[in-house]
Amino acid sequence: MATIQNLKQSINRNVEAIMPQDDQKEAFKNALESYFNKIKANEHESEEFQKGVFKDFLEEIIPDKQINTRGKIDLAIYNGKSTESNVGVIVEYKKLDNKAEMMSLDNLNTRGAS
């Protein structure tokens, strides 16, 4: 006979151990709102300026990882606290009002005409 479980009961204990707590969710929400406000207020600023605002956001929500450029990569989130560790995430950042190079549903793989 099948037993019906709620979501909390059905989550693997290992997954449950890494689930964010309510205060972490609130801190993320606040950091995201702050990022959106800063970027919207500076939507005509340069790509480098906007990328710096995004880097600040990432450093606030992922304090235990190195976040920096790497070669021609706009931003890299390293697997450790130094650039000696491997890159775990690559970020290609585009200026908010750069419609020509921004990906869309019709063109997911774009960097513009450069």
N, C-alpha and C. Protein backbone atom coordinates (compact mmCIF):
# COMPACT_ATOMS: atom_id res chain seq x y z
N MET A 1 0.84 -1.18 0.00
CA MET A 1 0.00 0.00 0.00
C MET A 1 0.89 1.25 0.00
N ALA A 2 0.57 2.22 -0.84
CA ALA A 2 1.34 3.46 -0.97
C ALA A 2 1.03 4.40 0.18
N THR A 3 2.05 5.11 0.62
CA THR A 3 1.88 6.11 1.67
C THR A 3 2.03 7.49 1.04
N ILE A 4 1.09 8.36 1.32
CA ILE A 4 1.15 9.72 0.81
C ILE A 4 1.99 10.56 1.76
N GLN A 5 2.98 11.28 1.19
CA GLN A 5 3.87 12.11 1.99
C GLN A 5 3.73 13.56 1.55
N ASN A 6 3.95 14.47 2.50
CA ASN A 6 4.02 15.88 2.11
C ASN A 6 5.42 16.16 1.57
N LEU A 7 5.65 17.37 1.09
CA LEU A 7 6.92 17.71 0.48
C LEU A 7 8.09 17.51 1.44
N LYS A 8 7.97 17.98 2.66
CA LYS A 8 9.06 17.86 3.64
C LYS A 8 9.40 16.40 3.90
N GLN A 9 8.41 15.55 3.96
CA GLN A 9 8.65 14.14 4.21
C GLN A 9 9.31 13.45 3.02
N SER A 10 9.07 13.94 1.82
CA SER A 10 9.59 13.28 0.63
C SER A 10 10.98 13.76 0.21
N ILE A 11 11.46 14.83 0.79
CA ILE A 11 12.78 15.34 0.44
C ILE A 11 13.86 14.48 1.09
N ASN A 12 14.83 14.11 0.30
CA ASN A 12 15.97 13.36 0.79
C ASN A 12 16.66 14.17 1.89
N ARG A 13 17.11 13.55 2.94
CA ARG A 13 17.73 14.24 4.08
C ARG A 13 18.98 15.03 3.65
N ASN A 14 19.72 14.53 2.67
CA ASN A 14 20.90 15.24 2.20
C ASN A 14 20.50 16.56 1.52
N VAL A 15 19.42 16.52 0.78
CA VAL A 15 18.93 17.74 0.13
C VAL A 15 18.39 18.70 1.18
N GLU A 16 17.68 18.18 2.12
CA GLU A 16 17.11 19.02 3.18
C GLU A 16 18.21 19.75 3.96
N ALA A 17 19.36 19.12 4.12
CA ALA A 17 20.46 19.72 4.87
C ALA A 17 21.03 20.96 4.19
N ILE A 18 20.89 21.06 2.87
CA ILE A 18 21.44 22.22 2.15
C ILE A 18 20.37 23.23 1.75
N MET A 19 19.14 22.98 2.13
CA MET A 19 18.06 23.92 1.82
C MET A 19 18.28 25.22 2.60
N PRO A 20 18.08 26.37 1.95
CA PRO A 20 18.29 27.64 2.66
C PRO A 20 17.25 27.84 3.77
N GLN A 21 17.70 28.47 4.83
CA GLN A 21 16.81 28.80 5.94
C GLN A 21 16.04 30.07 5.59
N ASP A 22 14.99 30.36 6.35
CA ASP A 22 14.16 31.53 6.07
C ASP A 22 14.95 32.83 6.09
N ASP A 23 15.90 32.97 7.02
CA ASP A 23 16.70 34.19 7.06
C ASP A 23 17.61 34.30 5.84
N GLN A 24 18.09 33.18 5.33
CA GLN A 24 18.91 33.19 4.12
C GLN A 24 18.08 33.57 2.90
N LYS A 25 16.86 33.08 2.85
CA LYS A 25 15.96 33.43 1.75
C LYS A 25 15.65 34.93 1.78
N GLU A 26 15.43 35.47 2.95
CA GLU A 26 15.14 36.90 3.10
C GLU A 26 16.36 37.74 2.70
N ALA A 27 17.55 37.31 3.11
CA ALA A 27 18.77 38.03 2.75
C ALA A 27 18.97 38.01 1.24
N PHE A 28 18.70 36.88 0.60
CA PHE A 28 18.81 36.78 -0.86
C PHE A 28 17.81 37.71 -1.53
N LYS A 29 16.58 37.70 -1.06
CA LYS A 29 15.54 38.56 -1.62
C LYS A 29 15.94 40.03 -1.51
N ASN A 30 16.45 40.43 -0.36
CA ASN A 30 16.87 41.83 -0.16
C ASN A 30 18.04 42.19 -1.08
N ALA A 31 19.01 41.28 -1.21
CA ALA A 31 20.16 41.54 -2.08
C ALA A 31 19.73 41.63 -3.54
N LEU A 32 18.79 40.78 -3.94
CA LEU A 32 18.29 40.80 -5.32
C LEU A 32 17.53 42.09 -5.61
N GLU A 33 16.69 42.51 -4.67
CA GLU A 33 15.95 43.78 -4.84
C GLU A 33 16.93 44.95 -4.93
N SER A 34 17.96 44.95 -4.11
CA SER A 34 18.96 46.01 -4.14
C SER A 34 19.68 46.02 -5.49
N TYR A 35 20.06 44.83 -5.98
CA TYR A 35 20.71 44.73 -7.29
C TYR A 35 19.80 45.30 -8.38
N PHE A 36 18.55 44.86 -8.42
CA PHE A 36 17.62 45.35 -9.44
C PHE A 36 17.47 46.87 -9.38
N ASN A 37 17.35 47.42 -8.18
CA ASN A 37 17.21 48.87 -8.04
C ASN A 37 18.45 49.61 -8.55
N LYS A 38 19.63 49.11 -8.19
CA LYS A 38 20.88 49.76 -8.62
C LYS A 38 21.04 49.68 -10.14
N ILE A 39 20.74 48.52 -10.69
CA ILE A 39 20.95 48.33 -12.13
C ILE A 39 19.93 49.13 -12.94
N LYS A 40 18.70 49.19 -12.45
CA LYS A 40 17.67 49.96 -13.15
C LYS A 40 17.99 51.45 -13.08
N ALA A 41 18.48 51.93 -11.96
CA ALA A 41 18.84 53.34 -11.81
C ALA A 41 20.05 53.70 -12.67
N ASN A 42 20.80 52.70 -13.09
CA ASN A 42 22.00 52.94 -13.89
C ASN A 42 21.97 52.16 -15.20
N GLU A 43 20.77 52.02 -15.80
CA GLU A 43 20.63 51.19 -16.98
C GLU A 43 21.39 51.71 -18.20
N HIS A 44 21.76 52.98 -18.21
CA HIS A 44 22.50 53.53 -19.35
C HIS A 44 24.00 53.65 -19.06
N GLU A 45 24.42 53.17 -17.90
CA GLU A 45 25.85 53.14 -17.57
C GLU A 45 26.54 52.08 -18.42
N SER A 46 27.85 52.06 -18.38
CA SER A 46 28.64 51.13 -19.18
C SER A 46 28.44 49.69 -18.71
N GLU A 47 28.81 48.77 -19.58
CA GLU A 47 28.76 47.35 -19.24
C GLU A 47 29.66 47.06 -18.04
N GLU A 48 30.84 47.69 -17.99
CA GLU A 48 31.76 47.47 -16.88
C GLU A 48 31.16 47.92 -15.55
N PHE A 49 30.47 49.06 -15.56
CA PHE A 49 29.81 49.55 -14.35
C PHE A 49 28.76 48.55 -13.89
N GLN A 50 27.89 48.13 -14.83
CA GLN A 50 26.81 47.21 -14.49
C GLN A 50 27.36 45.85 -14.04
N LYS A 51 28.43 45.41 -14.68
CA LYS A 51 29.07 44.15 -14.28
C LYS A 51 29.60 44.25 -12.85
N GLY A 52 30.12 45.42 -12.48
CA GLY A 52 30.60 45.63 -11.12
C GLY A 52 29.48 45.54 -10.10
N VAL A 53 28.31 46.08 -10.45
CA VAL A 53 27.14 45.98 -9.57
C VAL A 53 26.72 44.52 -9.41
N PHE A 54 26.76 43.77 -10.52
CA PHE A 54 26.41 42.35 -10.47
C PHE A 54 27.42 41.56 -9.63
N LYS A 55 28.71 41.89 -9.78
CA LYS A 55 29.76 41.23 -8.98
C LYS A 55 29.53 41.49 -7.50
N ASP A 56 29.17 42.73 -7.15
CA ASP A 56 28.87 43.06 -5.74
C ASP A 56 27.72 42.19 -5.23
N PHE A 57 26.68 42.03 -6.06
CA PHE A 57 25.53 41.19 -5.70
C PHE A 57 25.98 39.74 -5.47
N LEU A 58 26.76 39.21 -6.40
CA LEU A 58 27.22 37.83 -6.26
C LEU A 58 28.07 37.64 -5.00
N GLU A 59 28.95 38.60 -4.72
CA GLU A 59 29.80 38.49 -3.54
C GLU A 59 28.98 38.55 -2.25
N GLU A 60 27.85 39.25 -2.30
CA GLU A 60 26.99 39.31 -1.11
C GLU A 60 26.27 37.99 -0.87
N ILE A 61 25.84 37.33 -1.95
CA ILE A 61 25.07 36.09 -1.77
C ILE A 61 25.93 34.84 -1.79
N ILE A 62 27.17 34.95 -2.29
CA ILE A 62 28.10 33.81 -2.31
C ILE A 62 29.42 34.27 -1.69
N PRO A 63 29.44 34.52 -0.40
CA PRO A 63 30.63 35.11 0.23
C PRO A 63 31.84 34.18 0.32
N ASP A 64 31.64 32.89 0.16
CA ASP A 64 32.74 31.95 0.35
C ASP A 64 33.40 31.49 -0.95
N LYS A 65 33.16 32.21 -2.04
CA LYS A 65 33.76 31.88 -3.34
C LYS A 65 34.47 33.09 -3.92
N GLN A 66 35.52 32.85 -4.69
CA GLN A 66 36.20 33.91 -5.42
C GLN A 66 35.37 34.25 -6.66
N ILE A 67 35.13 35.52 -6.88
CA ILE A 67 34.38 35.97 -8.06
C ILE A 67 35.23 37.04 -8.73
N ASN A 68 35.65 36.75 -9.96
CA ASN A 68 36.53 37.66 -10.66
C ASN A 68 36.49 37.33 -12.15
N THR A 69 37.25 38.07 -12.93
CA THR A 69 37.39 37.74 -14.34
C THR A 69 38.38 36.59 -14.47
N ARG A 70 38.42 36.02 -15.65
CA ARG A 70 39.45 35.02 -15.96
C ARG A 70 39.66 35.04 -17.46
N GLY A 71 40.82 35.47 -17.88
CA GLY A 71 41.07 35.61 -19.31
C GLY A 71 40.03 36.55 -19.92
N LYS A 72 39.33 36.07 -20.91
CA LYS A 72 38.30 36.88 -21.57
C LYS A 72 36.90 36.64 -20.98
N ILE A 73 36.82 35.87 -19.90
CA ILE A 73 35.54 35.61 -19.24
C ILE A 73 35.16 36.84 -18.43
N ASP A 74 33.93 37.35 -18.64
CA ASP A 74 33.48 38.55 -17.93
C ASP A 74 33.55 38.37 -16.42
N LEU A 75 32.94 37.33 -15.92
CA LEU A 75 33.00 36.99 -14.50
C LEU A 75 33.06 35.48 -14.37
N ALA A 76 33.84 35.03 -13.43
CA ALA A 76 33.93 33.61 -13.13
C ALA A 76 33.70 33.42 -11.64
N ILE A 77 32.89 32.44 -11.31
CA ILE A 77 32.71 32.06 -9.92
C ILE A 77 33.57 30.81 -9.73
N TYR A 78 34.59 30.96 -8.91
CA TYR A 78 35.53 29.86 -8.69
C TYR A 78 34.97 28.89 -7.66
N ASN A 79 35.44 27.66 -7.70
CA ASN A 79 34.98 26.65 -6.76
C ASN A 79 35.56 26.85 -5.37
N GLY A 80 36.53 27.72 -5.23
CA GLY A 80 37.15 28.00 -3.94
C GLY A 80 37.28 29.48 -3.69
N LYS A 81 38.09 29.82 -2.70
CA LYS A 81 38.24 31.23 -2.30
C LYS A 81 39.36 31.95 -3.03
N SER A 82 40.05 31.26 -3.94
CA SER A 82 41.14 31.92 -4.66
C SER A 82 41.04 31.62 -6.15
N THR A 83 41.78 32.40 -6.94
CA THR A 83 41.80 32.19 -8.38
C THR A 83 42.62 30.95 -8.76
N GLU A 84 43.26 30.34 -7.77
CA GLU A 84 43.98 29.10 -8.01
C GLU A 84 43.01 27.92 -8.15
N SER A 85 41.80 28.06 -7.63
CA SER A 85 40.81 26.98 -7.73
C SER A 85 40.20 26.99 -9.13
N ASN A 86 39.51 25.92 -9.45
CA ASN A 86 38.87 25.79 -10.76
C ASN A 86 37.66 26.71 -10.87
N VAL A 87 37.37 27.12 -12.10
CA VAL A 87 36.16 27.91 -12.36
C VAL A 87 34.97 26.98 -12.35
N GLY A 88 33.94 27.34 -11.58
CA GLY A 88 32.73 26.53 -11.50
C GLY A 88 31.60 27.09 -12.35
N VAL A 89 31.55 28.43 -12.49
CA VAL A 89 30.48 29.09 -13.24
C VAL A 89 31.10 30.20 -14.08
N ILE A 90 30.69 30.27 -15.34
CA ILE A 90 31.13 31.35 -16.23
C ILE A 90 29.94 32.27 -16.46
N VAL A 91 30.18 33.59 -16.30
CA VAL A 91 29.13 34.58 -16.51
C VAL A 91 29.54 35.47 -17.68
N GLU A 92 28.70 35.56 -18.69
CA GLU A 92 28.87 36.51 -19.79
C GLU A 92 27.89 37.63 -19.50
N TYR A 93 28.42 38.80 -19.19
CA TYR A 93 27.56 39.92 -18.78
C TYR A 93 27.32 40.86 -19.95
N LYS A 94 26.09 41.30 -20.10
CA LYS A 94 25.71 42.26 -21.13
C LYS A 94 25.06 43.47 -20.48
N LYS A 95 25.38 44.62 -21.03
CA LYS A 95 24.78 45.87 -20.59
C LYS A 95 23.26 45.77 -20.72
N LEU A 96 22.54 46.31 -19.76
CA LEU A 96 21.10 46.18 -19.71
C LEU A 96 20.41 46.63 -21.00
N ASP A 97 20.88 47.72 -21.61
CA ASP A 97 20.21 48.22 -22.82
C ASP A 97 20.90 47.78 -24.11
N ASN A 98 21.73 46.74 -24.05
CA ASN A 98 22.41 46.21 -25.23
C ASN A 98 21.54 45.14 -25.87
N LYS A 99 20.56 45.56 -26.64
CA LYS A 99 19.60 44.63 -27.24
C LYS A 99 20.24 43.78 -28.34
N ALA A 100 21.22 44.33 -29.05
CA ALA A 100 21.83 43.61 -30.17
C ALA A 100 22.56 42.34 -29.73
N GLU A 101 23.20 42.37 -28.57
CA GLU A 101 23.98 41.22 -28.10
C GLU A 101 23.26 40.39 -27.05
N MET A 102 22.07 40.81 -26.66
CA MET A 102 21.33 40.09 -25.62
C MET A 102 20.66 38.86 -26.22
N MET A 103 20.77 37.74 -25.55
CA MET A 103 20.10 36.54 -26.06
C MET A 103 18.59 36.70 -25.97
N SER A 104 17.90 35.96 -26.79
CA SER A 104 16.43 35.99 -26.80
C SER A 104 15.94 34.58 -27.07
N LEU A 105 14.63 34.39 -27.04
CA LEU A 105 14.08 33.07 -27.33
C LEU A 105 14.39 32.66 -28.76
N ASP A 106 14.48 33.62 -29.66
CA ASP A 106 14.79 33.33 -31.06
C ASP A 106 16.27 33.10 -31.31
N ASN A 107 17.12 33.64 -30.44
CA ASN A 107 18.56 33.52 -30.63
C ASN A 107 19.24 33.36 -29.27
N LEU A 108 19.41 32.11 -28.84
CA LEU A 108 19.97 31.83 -27.54
C LEU A 108 21.50 31.90 -27.54
N ASN A 109 22.12 31.80 -28.69
CA ASN A 109 23.57 31.77 -28.79
C ASN A 109 24.05 33.00 -29.56
N THR A 110 24.21 34.11 -28.85
CA THR A 110 24.58 35.34 -29.53
C THR A 110 25.64 36.11 -28.76
N ARG A 111 26.44 36.82 -29.48
CA ARG A 111 27.38 37.80 -28.92
C ARG A 111 27.37 39.02 -29.81
N GLY A 112 26.41 39.14 -30.68
CA GLY A 112 26.32 40.30 -31.56
C GLY A 112 27.18 40.13 -32.79
N ALA A 113 27.41 41.23 -33.47
CA ALA A 113 28.13 41.19 -34.75
C ALA A 113 29.61 41.41 -34.59
N SER A 114 30.15 41.28 -33.38
CA SER A 114 31.59 41.54 -33.17
C SER A 114 32.45 40.43 -33.70
